[in-house]
Amino acid sequence: MFDIANIIKEISILAVPFLLAITCHEAAHGYVAYLLGDPTAKIAGRLTLNPLKHLDPLGTLALVLTRMIGWAKPVPVNPMYFKNPQRDMMFVALAGPAANMLLAVIFAFVLKTILGLDLHGYSETTLRVLEPTALIAKAGVIINLALCFFNLLPIPPLDGSKIIAGFMPREAAYRFMSFRYGFVIVIVLAMLGLLGKIISPALSYFYNLLIF
């Protein structure tokens, strides 16, 4: 039987870091594209930290179900504006995971700061604030690392595929990025329980590196 109260508690802890993770991830894609000459994301109103502009219903549902991985609506990018489309798309793709890694570092700093406090002498009210803040910070580290390494998988259309394509000969990169069944592979991997096993080693390594 579902523990509704516990589920609500988990979602309330996950909500802030998840919204921040997907918002910064997509905004980073759009901002780097804009710096490289593509105004598409700006015109679409996606160069914003308003999470409502980036939320994807299915991606949000995935977070609720997995408690770790979800996604946002992809920011529109038009490589035709770039001086070197293949290279610049690699930079745009890298920006999203890089934003998640930076957020993971920030959340880890908050968590380590709280864990390092001597809580004796703090008021009960302060402790009631510190405990959920620590839980949110811990979730922030895990979610951002998970999104970072999930998106770095070399499966089109995930960011990792675009990064790899940046190093390929142009014709090979085009054929590689034309593969249309990437999300089918991701779903199959998730259903078989393999997606978590693929991501977990890197996630665990960096989590321990940041926290301990």
Protein backbone atom coordinates (compact mmCIF):
# COMPACT_ATOMS: atom_id res chain seq x y z
CA MET A 1 0.00 0.00 0.00
CA PHE A 2 1.29 3.47 -0.91
CA ASP A 3 2.42 5.73 1.92
CA ILE A 4 0.91 8.98 0.60
CA ALA A 5 2.44 11.12 3.34
CA ASN A 6 5.92 9.78 2.63
CA ILE A 7 5.50 10.26 -1.13
CA ILE A 8 4.41 13.89 -0.60
CA LYS A 9 7.42 14.43 1.67
CA GLU A 10 9.80 12.97 -0.94
CA ILE A 11 8.32 15.06 -3.75
CA SER A 12 8.54 18.24 -1.66
CA ILE A 13 12.24 17.53 -1.05
CA LEU A 14 12.90 16.73 -4.72
CA ALA A 15 10.90 19.61 -6.20
CA VAL A 16 13.34 22.48 -5.62
CA PRO A 17 16.54 20.73 -6.76
CA PHE A 18 14.78 19.12 -9.73
CA LEU A 19 13.26 22.38 -10.97
CA LEU A 20 16.57 24.17 -10.51
CA ALA A 21 18.45 21.34 -12.26
CA ILE A 22 16.31 21.20 -15.40
CA THR A 23 15.91 24.98 -15.58
CA CYS A 24 19.63 25.70 -15.40
CA HIS A 25 20.38 22.78 -17.74
CA GLU A 26 18.11 24.08 -20.50
CA ALA A 27 18.91 27.75 -19.92
CA ALA A 28 22.62 26.91 -20.21
CA HIS A 29 22.02 25.27 -23.59
CA GLY A 30 20.14 28.33 -24.81
CA TYR A 31 22.58 30.86 -23.41
CA VAL A 32 25.65 29.22 -24.97
CA ALA A 33 23.79 28.94 -28.28
CA TYR A 34 22.95 32.65 -28.00
CA LEU A 35 26.60 33.51 -27.32
CA LEU A 36 27.54 31.55 -30.42
CA GLY A 37 25.10 33.54 -32.56
CA ASP A 38 21.80 31.62 -32.36
CA PRO A 39 18.89 33.79 -31.10
CA THR A 40 16.30 30.97 -31.39
CA ALA A 41 16.06 30.23 -27.65
CA LYS A 42 15.91 33.94 -26.81
CA ILE A 43 13.11 34.51 -29.31
CA ALA A 44 11.23 31.51 -27.86
CA GLY A 45 11.51 32.98 -24.35
CA ARG A 46 13.68 30.13 -23.11
CA LEU A 47 16.63 32.19 -21.84
CA THR A 48 14.98 32.32 -18.45
CA LEU A 49 15.23 30.73 -15.00
CA ASN A 50 11.43 30.44 -14.84
CA PRO A 51 10.91 26.64 -14.51
CA LEU A 52 7.42 26.85 -16.00
CA LYS A 53 9.03 27.69 -19.36
CA HIS A 54 11.04 24.46 -19.27
CA LEU A 55 8.81 21.86 -17.60
CA ASP A 56 7.89 18.75 -19.55
CA PRO A 57 4.93 16.77 -18.12
CA LEU A 58 6.37 13.36 -19.02
CA GLY A 59 9.82 14.29 -17.73
CA THR A 60 8.32 15.47 -14.45
CA LEU A 61 6.34 12.23 -14.14
CA ALA A 62 9.55 10.29 -14.72
CA LEU A 63 11.12 12.08 -11.75
CA VAL A 64 8.16 11.19 -9.52
CA LEU A 65 8.44 7.55 -10.55
CA THR A 66 12.23 7.18 -10.47
CA ARG A 67 12.98 9.71 -7.67
CA MET A 68 16.16 10.58 -9.58
CA ILE A 69 15.88 11.15 -13.34
CA GLY A 70 13.58 13.45 -15.30
CA TRP A 71 13.87 15.92 -18.14
CA ALA A 72 12.63 19.24 -19.47
CA LYS A 73 11.45 20.49 -22.84
CA PRO A 74 14.53 20.79 -25.08
CA VAL A 75 15.59 24.36 -25.81
CA PRO A 76 15.29 25.09 -29.56
CA VAL A 77 18.67 25.50 -31.25
CA ASN A 78 19.30 26.30 -34.91
CA PRO A 79 22.86 25.28 -35.91
CA MET A 80 22.54 27.29 -39.14
CA TYR A 81 23.43 30.40 -37.11
CA PHE A 82 26.75 28.93 -35.99
CA LYS A 83 30.06 29.63 -37.73
CA ASN A 84 31.06 26.01 -37.19
CA PRO A 85 27.80 24.07 -36.61
CA GLN A 86 29.38 20.73 -35.69
CA ARG A 87 31.85 22.20 -33.20
CA ASP A 88 29.46 24.77 -31.76
CA MET A 89 26.69 22.21 -31.23
CA MET A 90 29.20 20.28 -29.14
CA PHE A 91 29.71 23.34 -26.92
CA VAL A 92 25.95 23.88 -26.64
CA ALA A 93 25.43 20.24 -25.68
CA LEU A 94 28.20 20.34 -23.09
CA ALA A 95 26.70 23.42 -21.40
CA GLY A 96 23.73 21.50 -19.93
CA PRO A 97 25.68 18.78 -18.09
CA ALA A 98 28.26 21.39 -17.05
CA ALA A 99 25.48 23.46 -15.43
CA ASN A 100 24.29 20.36 -13.55
CA MET A 101 27.81 19.60 -12.33
CA LEU A 102 28.18 23.17 -11.08
CA LEU A 103 24.86 22.92 -9.23
CA ALA A 104 25.97 19.60 -7.71
CA VAL A 105 29.09 21.33 -6.37
CA ILE A 106 27.00 24.17 -4.89
CA PHE A 107 24.52 21.79 -3.25
CA ALA A 108 27.43 19.71 -1.91
CA PHE A 109 28.93 22.84 -0.35
CA VAL A 110 25.61 23.61 1.38
CA LEU A 111 25.27 20.02 2.61
CA LYS A 112 28.84 19.84 3.92
CA THR A 113 28.40 23.19 5.67
CA ILE A 114 25.28 21.95 7.49
CA LEU A 115 26.83 18.58 8.34
CA GLY A 116 29.86 20.37 9.75
CA LEU A 117 27.82 22.47 12.18
CA ASP A 118 27.83 21.79 15.89
CA LEU A 119 24.07 21.62 16.40
CA HIS A 120 24.22 21.88 20.17
CA GLY A 121 22.73 25.15 21.30
CA TYR A 122 20.65 25.75 18.17
CA SER A 123 16.97 26.45 18.72
CA GLU A 124 14.34 23.89 17.76
CA THR A 125 13.08 26.24 15.06
CA THR A 126 16.54 26.47 13.51
CA LEU A 127 16.94 22.70 13.58
CA ARG A 128 13.59 22.31 11.83
CA VAL A 129 14.94 24.50 9.03
CA LEU A 130 18.38 22.87 8.83
CA GLU A 131 17.09 19.29 8.57
CA PRO A 132 14.95 19.76 5.42
CA THR A 133 17.60 22.07 3.95
CA ALA A 134 20.18 19.29 4.34
CA LEU A 135 17.81 16.78 2.72
CA ILE A 136 17.14 19.17 -0.18
CA ALA A 137 20.88 19.79 -0.60
CA LYS A 138 21.59 16.04 -0.62
CA ALA A 139 18.84 15.51 -3.20
CA GLY A 140 20.30 18.40 -5.19
CA VAL A 141 23.69 16.71 -5.38
CA ILE A 142 22.19 13.37 -6.45
CA ILE A 143 19.68 14.77 -8.97
CA ASN A 144 22.20 17.05 -10.65
CA LEU A 145 24.83 14.33 -10.89
CA ALA A 146 22.21 11.91 -12.24
CA LEU A 147 21.03 14.41 -14.87
CA CYS A 148 24.61 15.25 -15.78
CA PHE A 149 25.66 11.66 -16.42
CA PHE A 150 22.31 10.63 -17.92
CA ASN A 151 22.59 13.40 -20.50
CA LEU A 152 26.21 12.48 -21.22
CA LEU A 153 25.19 9.03 -22.46
CA PRO A 154 26.23 8.75 -26.13
CA ILE A 155 22.71 7.99 -27.33
CA PRO A 156 21.02 10.41 -29.77
CA PRO A 157 19.48 12.86 -29.03
CA LEU A 158 21.07 13.10 -25.56
CA ASP A 159 23.84 15.66 -25.07
CA GLY A 160 26.55 13.00 -25.02
CA SER A 161 25.78 12.04 -28.61
CA LYS A 162 26.21 15.65 -29.76
CA ILE A 163 29.51 15.93 -27.92
CA ILE A 164 30.82 12.76 -29.57
CA ALA A 165 29.49 13.91 -32.95
CA GLY A 166 31.64 17.03 -32.59
CA PHE A 167 34.74 14.86 -32.96
CA MET A 168 33.45 12.76 -35.88
CA PRO A 169 33.93 13.36 -39.60
CA ARG A 170 30.98 15.42 -40.81
CA GLU A 171 29.24 12.66 -42.79
CA ALA A 172 29.65 10.11 -39.99
CA ALA A 173 28.32 12.65 -37.46
CA TYR A 174 25.26 13.29 -39.62
CA ARG A 175 24.49 9.57 -39.90
CA PHE A 176 25.03 9.09 -36.17
CA MET A 177 22.74 11.98 -35.20
CA SER A 178 20.09 10.77 -37.68
CA PHE A 179 19.42 7.74 -35.46
CA ARG A 180 15.77 8.11 -34.36
CA TYR A 181 15.36 5.38 -31.74
CA GLY A 182 17.54 6.76 -28.96
CA PHE A 183 14.72 7.26 -26.48
CA VAL A 184 13.45 3.75 -27.21
CA ILE A 185 16.87 2.48 -26.14
CA VAL A 186 16.76 4.67 -23.02
CA ILE A 187 13.29 3.39 -22.09
CA VAL A 188 14.34 -0.23 -22.64
CA LEU A 189 17.46 0.28 -20.51
CA ALA A 190 15.32 1.85 -17.78
CA MET A 191 12.76 -0.98 -17.87
CA LEU A 192 15.52 -3.58 -17.64
CA GLY A 193 17.05 -1.75 -14.69
CA LEU A 194 20.25 -1.16 -16.64
CA LEU A 195 20.06 2.63 -16.87
CA GLY A 196 20.69 3.08 -13.17
CA LYS A 197 23.54 0.56 -13.26
CA ILE A 198 25.20 2.47 -16.10
CA ILE A 199 24.95 5.83 -14.34
CA SER A 200 25.51 4.71 -10.73
CA PRO A 201 29.32 4.19 -10.80
CA ALA A 202 30.03 7.74 -11.99
CA LEU A 203 27.31 9.16 -9.72
CA SER A 204 28.66 7.34 -6.65
CA TYR A 205 32.26 8.34 -7.41
CA PHE A 206 31.49 12.04 -7.79
CA TYR A 207 29.05 12.05 -4.86
CA ASN A 208 31.76 10.67 -2.56
CA LEU A 209 34.28 13.07 -4.08
CA LEU A 210 32.06 16.08 -3.36
CA ILE A 211 30.73 15.09 0.05
CA PHE A 212 33.61 13.31 1.76
